[in-house]
Protein backbone atom coordinates (compact mmCIF):
# COMPACT_ATOMS: atom_id res chain seq x y z
CA MET A 1 45.44 -1.30 44.13
CA LEU A 2 42.41 -3.17 45.36
CA TYR A 3 42.04 -6.48 47.18
CA PHE A 4 40.45 -9.05 44.85
CA HIS A 5 37.97 -10.16 47.50
CA ILE A 6 36.28 -6.73 47.56
CA PRO A 7 34.83 -6.76 44.02
CA PHE A 8 34.63 -10.58 43.90
CA PRO A 9 33.66 -11.82 47.38
CA ASP A 10 32.26 -15.12 46.06
CA ILE A 11 35.34 -16.10 44.04
CA ALA A 12 38.24 -14.99 46.24
CA PRO A 13 37.67 -17.29 49.26
CA LYS A 14 37.47 -20.35 46.98
CA GLU A 15 40.47 -19.47 44.83
CA SER A 16 42.98 -17.89 47.22
CA ARG A 17 46.11 -19.70 48.30
CA SER A 18 47.27 -20.28 51.85
CA LEU A 19 50.12 -22.04 53.58
CA LEU A 20 49.89 -23.83 56.91
CA VAL A 21 53.17 -24.03 58.84
CA ARG A 22 53.14 -26.58 61.64
CA PRO A 23 55.79 -27.10 64.36
CA GLU A 24 57.12 -30.18 62.53
CA SER A 25 57.41 -28.33 59.19
CA ASN A 26 60.93 -27.88 57.92
CA LEU A 27 60.20 -24.35 56.73
CA PRO A 28 62.10 -21.25 57.85
CA LEU A 29 58.88 -19.62 59.07
CA PRO A 30 57.11 -19.27 62.42
CA VAL A 31 54.17 -21.59 63.05
CA GLY A 32 50.89 -20.22 61.69
CA ASP A 33 48.72 -19.76 58.65
CA TYR A 34 49.86 -17.57 55.77
CA LEU A 35 47.17 -16.21 53.44
CA PHE A 36 48.23 -14.93 50.01
CA THR A 37 45.77 -12.09 49.29
CA GLU A 38 45.71 -10.67 45.77
CA LEU A 39 45.60 -6.97 44.92
CA TYR A 40 45.05 -5.63 41.42
CA CYS A 41 45.40 -2.21 39.84
CA VAL A 42 42.05 -0.45 39.35
CA ALA A 43 43.33 2.38 37.19
CA ARG A 44 41.23 2.17 34.04
CA SER A 45 44.06 3.30 31.79
CA CYS A 46 46.57 0.78 33.14
CA ASP A 47 47.35 -2.64 31.70
CA CYS A 48 50.30 -3.52 33.93
CA ARG A 49 49.56 -7.29 33.85
CA ARG A 50 50.74 -7.86 37.40
CA VAL A 51 49.42 -8.75 40.83
CA LEU A 52 50.56 -7.65 44.27
CA PHE A 53 50.28 -10.15 47.10
CA HIS A 54 49.96 -9.20 50.72
CA VAL A 55 50.85 -12.33 52.64
CA TYR A 56 49.07 -12.22 55.98
CA GLN A 57 50.31 -14.29 58.91
CA THR A 58 47.56 -15.51 61.22
CA GLY A 59 47.46 -18.07 63.99
CA GLY A 60 50.53 -19.16 65.92
CA SER A 61 51.46 -16.49 68.46
CA ARG A 62 49.70 -13.72 66.46
CA HIS A 63 46.33 -12.48 67.68
CA GLU A 64 45.64 -10.24 64.69
CA PRO A 65 46.63 -10.76 61.05
CA ALA A 66 49.76 -8.89 60.02
CA ILE A 67 51.45 -8.45 56.66
CA ALA A 68 54.39 -10.85 56.59
CA ALA A 69 55.41 -10.06 52.99
CA SER A 70 54.41 -7.95 49.98
CA ILE A 71 55.24 -9.77 46.76
CA ASN A 72 54.94 -8.15 43.35
CA TYR A 73 54.49 -10.60 40.47
CA ALA A 74 54.41 -9.76 36.72
CA PHE A 75 52.69 -12.21 34.37
CA GLU A 76 55.43 -11.88 31.74
CA PRO A 77 59.15 -11.19 31.96
CA GLN A 78 60.32 -7.68 31.08
CA SER A 79 60.62 -6.75 27.45
CA PRO A 80 64.04 -5.54 26.24
CA GLN A 81 62.56 -2.03 25.93
CA ASP A 82 61.45 -2.09 29.59
CA VAL A 83 64.90 -3.24 30.68
CA LEU A 84 66.43 -0.25 28.89
CA MET A 85 63.91 2.16 30.46
CA VAL A 86 63.85 0.99 34.09
CA GLY A 87 66.63 -1.57 34.37
CA PRO A 88 66.33 -5.31 34.90
CA MET A 89 63.69 -6.53 37.36
CA PRO A 90 62.72 -10.08 38.25
CA GLN A 91 59.20 -11.33 37.52
CA ALA A 92 58.57 -11.73 41.26
CA PHE A 93 60.15 -9.60 43.97
CA LEU A 94 59.56 -8.18 47.43
CA ASP A 95 57.86 -4.87 46.78
CA PRO A 96 60.05 -2.14 48.34
CA ILE A 97 57.22 0.38 48.86
CA ASN A 98 54.98 -2.02 50.80
CA PRO A 99 55.32 -3.60 54.27
CA GLN A 100 57.71 -6.52 54.73
CA GLY A 101 57.99 -8.77 57.76
CA PRO A 102 61.20 -10.39 59.04
CA HIS A 103 60.48 -13.61 57.09
CA ALA A 104 59.55 -11.94 53.78
CA ALA A 105 62.50 -13.40 51.85
CA ALA A 106 61.57 -16.94 52.94
CA LEU A 107 57.96 -16.33 51.89
CA LEU A 108 59.10 -15.11 48.46
CA ASP A 109 61.18 -18.27 48.04
CA ILE A 110 58.22 -20.50 49.04
CA PHE A 111 55.94 -18.50 46.75
CA LEU A 112 58.23 -19.16 43.78
CA ARG A 113 58.94 -22.83 44.57
CA VAL A 114 55.58 -24.05 45.93
CA VAL A 115 52.67 -21.63 45.55
CA LEU A 116 53.21 -20.37 41.99
CA THR A 117 52.19 -23.42 39.95
CA SER A 118 51.25 -23.16 36.26
CA GLU A 119 47.60 -23.69 37.24
CA TYR A 120 47.81 -20.83 39.74
CA LYS A 121 49.47 -18.52 37.18
CA THR A 122 46.51 -19.13 34.85
CA ARG A 123 44.08 -18.40 37.69
CA LEU A 124 45.85 -15.12 38.51
CA GLN A 125 45.62 -14.00 34.90
CA ARG A 126 41.90 -14.85 34.91
CA HIS A 127 41.45 -12.80 38.10
CA TYR A 128 43.30 -9.89 36.48
CA ARG A 129 40.99 -10.11 33.45
CA LEU A 130 37.90 -10.19 35.73
CA VAL A 131 39.07 -6.96 37.39
CA LYS A 132 39.81 -5.21 34.10
CA ASP A 133 36.49 -6.34 32.57
CA ALA A 134 34.60 -5.15 35.66
CA LEU A 135 36.20 -1.73 35.20
CA LEU A 136 34.36 -1.50 31.86
CA ASP A 137 30.99 -2.21 33.50
CA PRO A 138 29.56 1.07 34.85
CA ASP A 139 27.24 -0.81 37.22
CA HIS A 140 29.86 -3.05 38.82
CA LEU A 141 30.80 -2.56 42.47
CA ILE A 142 34.42 -1.94 41.47
CA GLN A 143 33.49 1.50 40.06
CA GLN A 144 33.51 3.05 43.53
CA TYR A 145 37.23 2.21 43.81
CA ALA A 146 38.30 2.80 40.20
CA GLY A 147 40.24 5.70 38.81
CA GLU A 148 41.67 6.98 35.55
CA ASN A 149 45.22 6.61 36.84
CA ASP A 150 47.01 5.66 40.06
CA ARG A 151 45.69 8.77 41.80
CA GLY A 152 42.23 7.17 41.58
CA SER A 153 43.37 3.96 43.25
CA VAL A 154 43.03 3.44 46.96
CA PRO A 155 46.49 3.96 48.49
CA LEU A 156 48.04 0.94 50.18
CA THR A 157 49.17 3.02 53.13
CA ARG A 158 45.59 2.97 54.44
CA ARG A 159 45.71 -0.81 54.86
CA ARG A 160 48.50 -2.00 57.11
CA SER A 161 47.04 -4.65 59.39
CA ALA A 162 43.89 -6.15 57.86
CA PRO A 163 42.59 -6.81 54.36
CA GLY A 164 39.69 -4.37 54.11
CA LEU A 165 39.07 -0.81 53.12
CA ALA A 166 36.30 1.74 52.74
CA PRO A 167 34.97 2.81 49.35
CA ARG A 168 35.88 6.15 47.86
CA SER A 169 33.40 8.94 48.39
CA SER A 170 30.56 9.24 45.89
CA LYS A 171 31.52 12.84 45.08
CA GLY A 172 31.39 13.21 41.30
CA LYS A 173 30.08 9.65 40.94
CA HIS A 174 27.41 10.49 38.36
CA LYS A 175 29.84 12.44 36.17
CA LYS A 176 32.21 9.49 36.25
CA LYS A 177 29.46 7.01 35.26
CA ASP A 178 28.44 9.23 32.33
CA ARG A 179 32.09 9.46 31.23
CA VAL A 180 32.46 5.65 31.37
CA ARG A 181 29.25 5.14 29.36
CA ARG A 182 30.41 7.60 26.69
CA ARG A 183 33.79 5.86 26.48
CA ARG A 184 32.15 2.45 26.07
CA LYS A 185 29.90 3.77 23.26
CA ASN A 186 32.92 5.26 21.47
CA ARG A 187 34.81 1.95 21.67
CA LYS A 188 31.89 0.09 20.06
CA LYS A 189 31.88 2.44 17.03
């Protein structure tokens, strides 16, 4: 998984969602700003059609941003075949393998009722497509984070308190670029 603002630093600040909670707000959340940061899968072979949100709480009594919720959102509901394979899952849920703050359930509810408009759903799908298209471009910045499967993705456990991470090492970088170029040529045939 990779934060959207890393490969697309010009788009992310303009198109990210945030929530400002003031003392007079009737929301079940502490006062502060809540930034919904998007993370997408950078495994080349994956077409999961989902986005993971790390909701960062800033301001209020917090001095440093902290993950208040991790929300997993699928663009489409599960197919009947998926339900049989893994059991029923909602389209949006608190991701059990990622950090959750004490107000995560309230943030999920607000995400579903307020943040997730039809316009925003379309934007998320466009962001997903940008990431997947960039994975096909051997010269795009995203290549230093990309992998063939989840083992090539940057593990979330490295990023607990702030939305940033270091690129993967360049070991084997040239072999990987050659492999991507060959794959692209084969697809065009």
